[in-house]
Amino acid sequence: MSIRVKSVSFEDYQNTQVTAKCANFLQSAEMAKLQESQDYIEKVEALVFERDGLRVGQTIVVYKKSFRIFKKALLLHGPLVDYHSLASLTELLEALILYLRKKNIATLSIHPYLANLIRNEKLENIEVDIASDVLEVFETLGFEHSLDSEQSLVVNQMFVKSIERFASSDEIHAAFSPSLKRDLKKFTDMNVKTEELDEHQLDQFYDILSRTAERKGFSVHPLVYFQNLKKCFGESAKFMLAYLDCPAYLAYLDKNIQSFEAKIQALKEGPQKKRTKGQIADAEDQLRSYYKRLEQFKSYQIKTDKLPLSAYLFMDYGPEIVSFYGGNDEAYLNFGGAVLLHWEMIKYAKSKSKKRFNFYGTIETEAASSGKGNFNFKRQFGGQLETLVGSFDKTLNPFYDIFKKTLGRH
């Protein structure tokens, strides 16, 4: 029997939305409700695909106006199907095309949540052309394939750390590089702490995010978008803040200053051995370092007990935790707020028996060789860089292409 496409309520859709291997929060009923509130979106629809009364797939479809008179359908990281069953995938796509044509949709754009290339932290290939069979299915059905390097519409490259094989977060930590272990200890000793923000504190997250966006030249949604996102996802949307406990940090500096002053005095007054001079020099270097940090902190002229450092939105959805949005206060990068925050959420992911931690949108791979950039930050935690199969576009109304050519757009 052929596949039947059926429009269902978001509540019905939600009952089975995490059962597919490719389940992701963009293809959730919660995200659909959020998208409905966006002015630039005309409609959001939940579809299920059934054969003999059994659900074999589902998807959230976003409808937008195109050239004012046409409508386009977008499947962002969808559909949720078994991509290994190529015959079923072909039949499902054919049913979807027929369904959308009946609704007078002019063009269809599909962006599957499916990896096609996997590389390691050194950008060496691990698996290549994983989804070549799927790509062939789409091309046979007349879809045009592309991969947007700017990731302007949807993320298509992400750094992912599998945590399923680790028995505990201690095992994950043990596998980290010595430099990352040192950094985590240092930032913890400095009294960098983390907390989850509630719905009334999201301005703290947004302040850091918007300043990061301005600094790096990317756009972000208004604050109300994130407030609505929190309402839709509830506990699954975790707005996290890393901050410096200022009184505790000052106490930490004072303790170390006193400790090294006492050590230097004891070394000078004690027996003078061959290595004593070097020990005194090392201790004096350490002492100068702590005094320098104290003077630097005083120059900040902080008036509160908590100094915000980094803020991120993590999505707790299906088999993964996703680092969705976030940023840092550039003036305080030396406190390592983002590093500690991601480690705390990796531990959280393990405590919730998640399969993986997803650092999500990953760029600036070319800057990694110089120790800079988005990818370089993420790869220190260990994992793999997954490039998704890309975007598939198909015109359903021939007049749409004619109209585009008339306007000179391609």
Protein backbone atom coordinates (compact mmCIF):
# COMPACT_ATOMS: atom_id res chain seq x y z
CA MET A 1 0.00 0.00 0.00
CA SER A 2 1.26 3.50 -0.82
CA ILE A 3 2.30 6.10 1.73
CA ARG A 4 -0.36 8.54 2.88
CA VAL A 5 0.43 12.10 4.01
CA LYS A 6 -1.69 13.42 6.85
CA SER A 7 -1.77 16.79 8.60
CA VAL A 8 -1.97 16.34 12.39
CA SER A 9 -2.06 18.49 15.50
CA PHE A 10 1.21 19.46 17.17
CA GLU A 11 0.17 17.37 20.17
CA ASP A 12 -0.27 14.27 18.01
CA TYR A 13 3.02 14.93 16.23
CA GLN A 14 4.82 15.32 19.55
CA ASN A 15 3.95 11.77 20.63
CA THR A 16 6.44 10.24 18.19
CA GLN A 17 8.83 13.11 17.41
CA VAL A 18 11.90 11.64 19.17
CA THR A 19 11.61 8.06 17.90
CA ALA A 20 13.57 8.60 14.67
CA LYS A 21 17.36 8.31 14.70
CA CYS A 22 17.56 11.77 13.10
CA ALA A 23 15.28 13.42 15.70
CA ASN A 24 16.26 17.02 16.37
CA PHE A 25 14.73 20.07 18.02
CA LEU A 26 14.12 21.97 14.76
CA GLN A 27 11.72 19.18 13.83
CA SER A 28 9.78 19.35 17.09
CA ALA A 29 6.26 20.47 17.93
CA GLU A 30 7.79 22.93 20.38
CA MET A 31 9.81 24.61 17.62
CA ALA A 32 6.75 24.61 15.35
CA LYS A 33 4.79 26.56 17.95
CA LEU A 34 7.66 29.04 18.25
CA GLN A 35 7.92 29.45 14.47
CA GLU A 36 4.19 30.18 14.25
CA SER A 37 4.80 33.37 16.25
CA GLN A 38 7.31 34.71 13.70
CA ASP A 39 5.98 37.39 11.35
CA TYR A 40 8.05 36.22 8.36
CA ILE A 41 6.51 32.73 8.53
CA GLU A 42 3.07 32.32 6.98
CA LYS A 43 2.18 28.92 8.42
CA VAL A 44 3.68 25.87 10.14
CA GLU A 45 2.23 22.40 9.60
CA ALA A 46 2.88 19.03 11.25
CA LEU A 47 2.74 16.14 8.78
CA VAL A 48 2.95 12.40 9.33
CA PHE A 49 3.54 9.69 6.74
CA GLU A 50 1.58 6.47 7.17
CA ARG A 51 1.55 3.08 5.49
CA ASP A 52 -1.16 0.59 6.46
CA GLY A 53 -2.02 2.78 9.43
CA LEU A 54 1.57 2.75 10.75
CA ARG A 55 3.59 5.95 11.06
CA VAL A 56 6.74 5.63 8.95
CA GLY A 57 7.91 9.23 9.12
CA GLN A 58 6.98 12.77 10.05
CA THR A 59 8.04 16.34 9.50
CA ILE A 60 7.44 19.96 10.42
CA VAL A 61 6.87 22.09 7.31
CA VAL A 62 7.43 25.85 7.41
CA TYR A 63 5.58 27.84 4.75
CA LYS A 64 6.83 31.24 3.60
CA LYS A 65 5.81 33.71 0.91
CA SER A 66 8.11 34.03 -2.08
CA PHE A 67 7.85 37.00 -4.48
CA ARG A 68 4.57 37.85 -2.69
CA ILE A 69 2.44 35.63 -4.93
CA PHE A 70 4.11 32.23 -4.44
CA LYS A 71 4.53 29.98 -1.42
CA LYS A 72 7.53 27.87 -0.55
CA ALA A 73 7.77 24.91 1.81
CA LEU A 74 10.84 24.35 4.00
CA LEU A 75 11.83 21.22 5.91
CA LEU A 76 14.57 22.39 8.27
CA HIS A 77 16.56 19.32 9.37
CA GLY A 78 13.71 17.14 8.23
CA PRO A 79 11.99 14.92 7.41
CA LEU A 80 12.26 12.45 10.30
CA VAL A 81 12.50 9.16 8.41
CA ASP A 82 14.65 6.06 8.10
CA TYR A 83 17.20 7.23 5.52
CA HIS A 84 18.57 3.69 5.19
CA SER A 85 15.33 2.52 3.57
CA LEU A 86 15.83 4.11 0.15
CA ALA A 87 12.68 2.68 -1.43
CA SER A 88 10.56 4.00 1.42
CA LEU A 89 12.33 7.38 1.24
CA THR A 90 11.58 7.65 -2.48
CA GLU A 91 7.93 6.82 -1.93
CA LEU A 92 7.68 9.26 0.98
CA LEU A 93 9.18 12.13 -1.01
CA GLU A 94 6.88 11.43 -3.95
CA ALA A 95 3.88 11.53 -1.59
CA LEU A 96 5.12 14.79 -0.06
CA ILE A 97 5.58 16.41 -3.48
CA LEU A 98 2.06 15.40 -4.51
CA TYR A 99 0.62 16.71 -1.23
CA LEU A 100 2.35 20.09 -1.58
CA ARG A 101 1.37 20.48 -5.24
CA LYS A 102 -2.26 20.07 -4.23
CA LYS A 103 -1.71 22.94 -1.77
CA ASN A 104 -0.35 25.11 -4.62
CA ILE A 105 3.15 25.27 -3.13
CA ALA A 106 5.57 26.65 -5.72
CA THR A 107 8.89 25.35 -4.41
CA LEU A 108 10.15 22.81 -1.88
CA SER A 109 13.42 23.02 0.08
CA ILE A 110 14.58 20.06 2.19
CA HIS A 111 17.57 20.11 4.56
CA PRO A 112 18.02 16.62 6.08
CA TYR A 113 19.66 16.10 9.49
CA LEU A 114 22.01 13.56 7.98
CA ALA A 115 25.82 13.50 7.91
CA ASN A 116 27.64 12.96 4.62
CA LEU A 117 31.23 13.65 5.71
CA ILE A 118 32.89 13.01 9.08
CA ARG A 119 36.35 14.36 9.97
CA ASN A 120 38.45 14.25 13.12
CA GLU A 121 39.90 17.12 15.17
CA LYS A 122 42.78 17.40 12.67
CA LEU A 123 40.28 17.66 9.78
CA GLU A 124 41.34 14.25 8.47
CA ASN A 125 38.59 12.28 6.73
CA ILE A 126 37.04 9.44 8.73
CA GLU A 127 33.97 8.70 6.59
CA VAL A 128 33.27 10.17 3.14
CA ASP A 129 30.09 10.19 1.02
CA ILE A 130 28.08 8.45 3.75
CA ALA A 131 24.79 9.67 2.32
CA SER A 132 25.58 9.29 -1.38
CA ASP A 133 22.64 6.89 -1.85
CA VAL A 134 20.27 9.41 -0.27
CA LEU A 135 21.67 12.17 -2.47
CA GLU A 136 20.99 9.99 -5.51
CA VAL A 137 17.36 9.49 -4.43
CA PHE A 138 16.80 13.24 -4.28
CA GLU A 139 18.53 13.90 -7.60
CA THR A 140 16.50 11.15 -9.30
CA LEU A 141 13.35 12.94 -8.14
CA GLY A 142 14.55 16.17 -9.75
CA PHE A 143 15.92 18.01 -6.72
CA GLU A 144 18.88 20.37 -7.09
CA HIS A 145 21.61 19.79 -4.50
CA SER A 146 23.69 22.49 -2.79
CA LEU A 147 25.74 23.05 0.37
CA ASP A 148 25.62 26.55 1.85
CA SER A 149 29.05 27.31 3.32
CA GLU A 150 27.61 30.36 5.09
CA GLN A 151 24.97 28.21 6.85
CA SER A 152 22.63 31.17 6.44
CA LEU A 153 19.34 29.26 6.63
CA VAL A 154 20.18 26.22 8.70
CA VAL A 155 23.28 24.63 10.27
CA ASN A 156 24.97 22.11 7.98
CA GLN A 157 28.29 21.58 9.77
CA MET A 158 28.63 20.75 13.45
CA PHE A 159 31.21 19.46 15.90
CA VAL A 160 29.88 16.50 17.86
CA LYS A 161 31.29 14.62 20.83
CA SER A 162 30.01 11.08 21.38
CA ILE A 163 29.72 10.37 25.12
CA GLU A 164 27.88 7.05 24.97
CA ARG A 165 31.02 4.92 25.35
CA PHE A 166 32.16 6.66 28.55
CA ALA A 167 30.99 5.08 31.80
CA SER A 168 31.00 8.41 33.65
CA SER A 169 31.88 12.09 33.38
CA ASP A 170 35.12 11.26 35.23
CA GLU A 171 36.08 9.02 32.32
CA ILE A 172 35.30 11.83 29.89
CA HIS A 173 37.53 14.18 31.90
CA ALA A 174 40.33 11.60 32.05
CA ALA A 175 40.40 11.50 28.24
CA PHE A 176 40.87 15.27 27.90
CA SER A 177 44.24 16.72 26.93
CA PRO A 178 46.55 17.86 29.77
CA SER A 179 46.12 21.49 28.68
CA LEU A 180 42.30 21.32 28.89
CA LYS A 181 42.50 19.63 32.29
CA ARG A 182 44.79 22.43 33.52
CA ASP A 183 42.43 25.09 32.20
CA LEU A 184 39.38 23.51 33.83
CA LYS A 185 41.19 23.30 37.17
CA LYS A 186 42.48 26.86 36.87
CA PHE A 187 39.08 28.35 36.05
CA THR A 188 37.43 26.37 38.85
CA ASP A 189 40.10 27.48 41.34
CA MET A 190 39.51 31.08 40.25
CA ASN A 191 35.87 30.66 41.34
CA VAL A 192 34.25 30.79 37.93
CA LYS A 193 30.79 29.33 38.52
CA THR A 194 27.74 28.43 36.47
CA GLU A 195 24.01 28.75 36.95
CA GLU A 196 20.81 28.30 34.96
CA LEU A 197 18.81 31.44 34.24
CA ASP A 198 15.05 31.40 34.64
CA GLU A 199 12.54 33.06 32.30
CA HIS A 200 12.86 36.37 34.16
CA GLN A 201 16.67 36.53 33.77
CA LEU A 202 17.02 36.04 30.03
CA ASP A 203 18.14 39.65 29.57
CA GLN A 204 21.50 38.58 31.09
CA PHE A 205 21.87 35.96 28.36
CA TYR A 206 20.74 38.36 25.65
CA ASP A 207 23.08 41.15 26.72
CA ILE A 208 26.12 38.93 26.18
CA LEU A 209 24.72 37.33 23.01
CA SER A 210 23.88 40.64 21.32
CA ARG A 211 27.29 42.15 22.10
CA THR A 212 28.98 39.03 20.75
CA ALA A 213 26.87 39.26 17.58
CA GLU A 214 27.83 42.90 17.10
CA ARG A 215 31.50 42.10 17.61
CA LYS A 216 31.53 39.12 15.23
CA GLY A 217 29.12 40.51 12.65
CA PHE A 218 26.19 38.11 12.81
CA SER A 219 22.51 38.83 13.42
CA VAL A 220 20.37 37.49 16.26
CA HIS A 221 16.68 37.30 17.00
CA PRO A 222 15.17 39.90 19.36
CA LEU A 223 14.91 39.08 23.07
CA VAL A 224 11.22 38.19 22.76
CA TYR A 225 12.16 35.25 20.49
CA PHE A 226 14.20 33.67 23.27
CA GLN A 227 11.51 34.41 25.83
CA ASN A 228 8.98 32.63 23.61
CA LEU A 229 11.43 29.79 23.03
CA LYS A 230 11.69 29.27 26.78
CA LYS A 231 7.90 29.20 27.05
CA CYS A 232 7.62 26.62 24.26
CA PHE A 233 10.44 24.31 25.34
CA GLY A 234 10.30 24.83 29.11
CA GLU A 235 12.96 22.82 30.97
CA SER A 236 14.40 21.55 27.69
CA ALA A 237 15.72 25.05 26.90
CA LYS A 238 18.59 25.70 29.28
CA PHE A 239 19.87 29.27 29.37
CA MET A 240 23.18 29.00 31.21
CA LEU A 241 25.43 31.70 32.62
CA ALA A 242 29.09 31.48 33.62
CA TYR A 243 30.11 34.17 36.07
CA LEU A 244 32.99 35.13 38.32
CA ASP A 245 32.26 35.03 42.06
CA CYS A 246 34.09 38.30 42.76
CA PRO A 247 34.48 38.08 46.59
CA ALA A 248 35.65 34.46 46.27
CA TYR A 249 38.07 35.42 43.48
CA LEU A 250 39.57 38.21 45.59
CA ALA A 251 39.94 35.78 48.49
CA TYR A 252 41.65 33.33 46.11
CA LEU A 253 44.12 36.01 44.99
CA ASP A 254 44.78 37.14 48.56
CA LYS A 255 45.38 33.55 49.71
CA ASN A 256 47.91 32.91 46.94
CA ILE A 257 49.66 36.25 47.47
CA GLN A 258 50.07 35.53 51.18
CA SER A 259 51.19 31.97 50.44
CA PHE A 260 53.92 33.00 48.00
CA GLU A 261 55.09 35.88 50.18
CA ALA A 262 55.47 33.43 53.07
CA LYS A 263 57.23 30.91 50.81
CA ILE A 264 59.71 33.51 49.53
CA GLN A 265 60.49 34.67 53.07
CA ALA A 266 60.98 31.08 54.25
CA LEU A 267 63.30 30.32 51.34
CA LYS A 268 65.38 33.44 51.97
CA GLU A 269 65.67 32.73 55.68
CA GLY A 270 66.27 28.99 55.30
CA PRO A 271 69.36 27.03 54.28
CA GLN A 272 70.72 28.24 50.96
CA LYS A 273 71.07 25.26 48.65
CA LYS A 274 71.93 25.07 44.96
CA ARG A 275 68.32 25.18 43.87
CA THR A 276 67.17 27.79 46.43
CA LYS A 277 67.91 30.75 44.17
CA GLY A 278 65.82 29.22 41.37
CA GLN A 279 62.99 28.40 43.78
CA ILE A 280 62.93 32.01 44.99
CA ALA A 281 62.88 33.32 41.40
CA ASP A 282 59.99 30.98 40.50
CA ALA A 283 58.02 31.99 43.59
CA GLU A 284 58.61 35.69 42.86
CA ASP A 285 57.34 35.18 39.29
CA GLN A 286 54.20 33.55 40.67
CA LEU A 287 53.75 36.35 43.20
CA ARG A 288 54.05 39.01 40.49
CA SER A 289 51.48 37.10 38.45
CA TYR A 290 48.93 37.19 41.30
CA TYR A 291 49.59 40.88 42.01
CA LYS A 292 49.15 41.60 38.30
CA ARG A 293 45.80 39.77 38.31
CA LEU A 294 44.73 41.71 41.38
CA GLU A 295 45.56 45.05 39.76
CA GLN A 296 43.82 43.97 36.57
CA PHE A 297 40.68 43.03 38.49
CA LYS A 298 40.69 46.37 40.34
CA SER A 299 40.90 48.15 36.98
CA TYR A 300 37.56 46.56 35.98
CA GLN A 301 35.89 48.56 38.77
CA ILE A 302 33.30 45.86 39.34
CA LYS A 303 30.52 47.00 41.67
CA THR A 304 28.67 43.68 42.03
CA ASP A 305 29.50 40.28 43.52
CA LYS A 306 28.85 38.45 40.24
CA LEU A 307 30.65 39.28 37.00
CA PRO A 308 28.92 37.73 33.92
CA LEU A 309 31.44 36.07 31.61
CA SER A 310 29.62 33.82 29.13
CA ALA A 311 26.03 32.89 28.36
CA TYR A 312 24.73 30.03 26.21
CA LEU A 313 21.44 28.40 25.30
CA PHE A 314 21.59 24.61 25.37
CA MET A 315 18.77 22.45 23.99
CA ASP A 316 18.06 19.22 25.87
CA TYR A 317 16.34 17.24 23.14
CA GLY A 318 16.19 13.57 22.19
CA PRO A 319 19.56 11.80 22.25
CA GLU A 320 21.68 14.95 22.49
CA ILE A 321 22.41 18.23 24.21
CA VAL A 322 22.91 21.02 21.65
CA SER A 323 24.86 24.24 22.20
CA PHE A 324 22.45 26.39 20.18
CA TYR A 325 23.29 30.06 20.79
CA GLY A 326 25.80 31.86 22.96
CA GLY A 327 28.59 34.32 23.44
CA ASN A 328 31.24 35.78 25.71
CA ASP A 329 32.17 39.13 27.17
CA GLU A 330 35.37 39.85 25.25
CA ALA A 331 36.92 41.75 28.17
CA TYR A 332 36.86 38.66 30.38
CA LEU A 333 37.85 35.82 28.05
CA ASN A 334 40.82 35.01 30.31
CA PHE A 335 38.43 33.63 32.94
CA GLY A 336 37.36 30.81 30.60
CA GLY A 337 33.63 31.07 31.15
CA ALA A 338 32.70 29.29 27.91
CA VAL A 339 35.14 26.44 28.54
CA LEU A 340 33.79 25.76 32.02
CA LEU A 341 30.18 26.19 30.89
CA HIS A 342 30.50 23.59 28.12
CA TRP A 343 32.23 21.15 30.46
CA GLU A 344 29.39 21.52 32.98
CA MET A 345 26.86 20.79 30.23
CA ILE A 346 28.83 17.79 28.97
CA LYS A 347 28.63 16.42 32.52
CA TYR A 348 24.91 17.20 32.54
CA ALA A 349 24.49 15.35 29.23
CA LYS A 350 26.21 12.28 30.68
CA SER A 351 24.05 12.41 33.81
CA LYS A 352 20.97 12.34 31.54
CA SER A 353 22.32 9.34 29.58
CA LYS A 354 22.55 11.32 26.34
CA LYS A 355 24.36 9.74 23.41
CA ARG A 356 26.23 12.85 22.37
CA PHE A 357 27.03 16.49 23.03
CA ASN A 358 26.50 18.64 19.95
CA PHE A 359 28.48 21.89 19.68
CA TYR A 360 26.29 22.63 16.63
CA GLY A 361 27.12 25.28 14.01
CA THR A 362 30.86 25.09 13.39
CA ILE A 363 32.87 27.48 11.23
CA GLU A 364 36.41 28.91 10.98
CA THR A 365 38.07 25.55 10.38
CA GLU A 366 40.80 27.33 8.41
CA ALA A 367 41.78 29.33 11.52
CA ALA A 368 42.37 26.22 13.64
CA SER A 369 46.00 25.84 12.51
CA SER A 370 46.80 29.16 14.20
CA GLY A 371 44.96 28.18 17.38
CA LYS A 372 42.01 30.47 16.79
CA GLY A 373 38.35 30.36 15.89
CA ASN A 374 35.08 28.61 16.54
CA PHE A 375 36.25 25.13 15.48
CA ASN A 376 39.46 25.39 17.48
CA PHE A 377 37.52 26.11 20.68
CA LYS A 378 35.26 23.10 20.17
CA ARG A 379 37.84 20.54 19.11
CA GLN A 380 39.74 20.81 22.41
CA PHE A 381 36.91 18.77 23.97
CA GLY A 382 37.43 15.94 21.46
CA GLY A 383 34.95 14.76 18.88
CA GLN A 384 34.19 14.78 15.18
CA LEU A 385 33.26 17.41 12.62
CA GLU A 386 30.11 16.33 10.78
CA THR A 387 29.16 17.96 7.49
CA LEU A 388 25.53 17.30 6.64
CA VAL A 389 24.31 16.17 3.24
CA GLY A 390 23.15 19.68 2.34
CA SER A 391 20.05 21.24 0.80
CA PHE A 392 17.69 19.87 -1.85
CA ASP A 393 15.44 22.22 -3.82
CA LYS A 394 12.68 21.39 -6.27
CA THR A 395 10.32 23.66 -8.16
CA LEU A 396 6.73 22.37 -7.99
CA ASN A 397 5.14 25.14 -10.05
CA PRO A 398 6.86 25.83 -13.43
CA PHE A 399 5.59 29.41 -13.40
CA TYR A 400 7.83 30.01 -10.38
CA ASP A 401 10.99 29.49 -12.44
CA ILE A 402 9.60 31.63 -15.27
CA PHE A 403 8.86 34.41 -12.79
CA LYS A 404 12.38 34.16 -11.33
CA LYS A 405 13.97 34.37 -14.77
CA THR A 406 11.82 37.38 -15.63
CA LEU A 407 13.16 39.12 -12.54
CA GLY A 408 16.69 38.02 -13.37
CA ARG A 409 17.13 35.93 -10.22
CA HIS A 410 18.72 32.52 -10.20
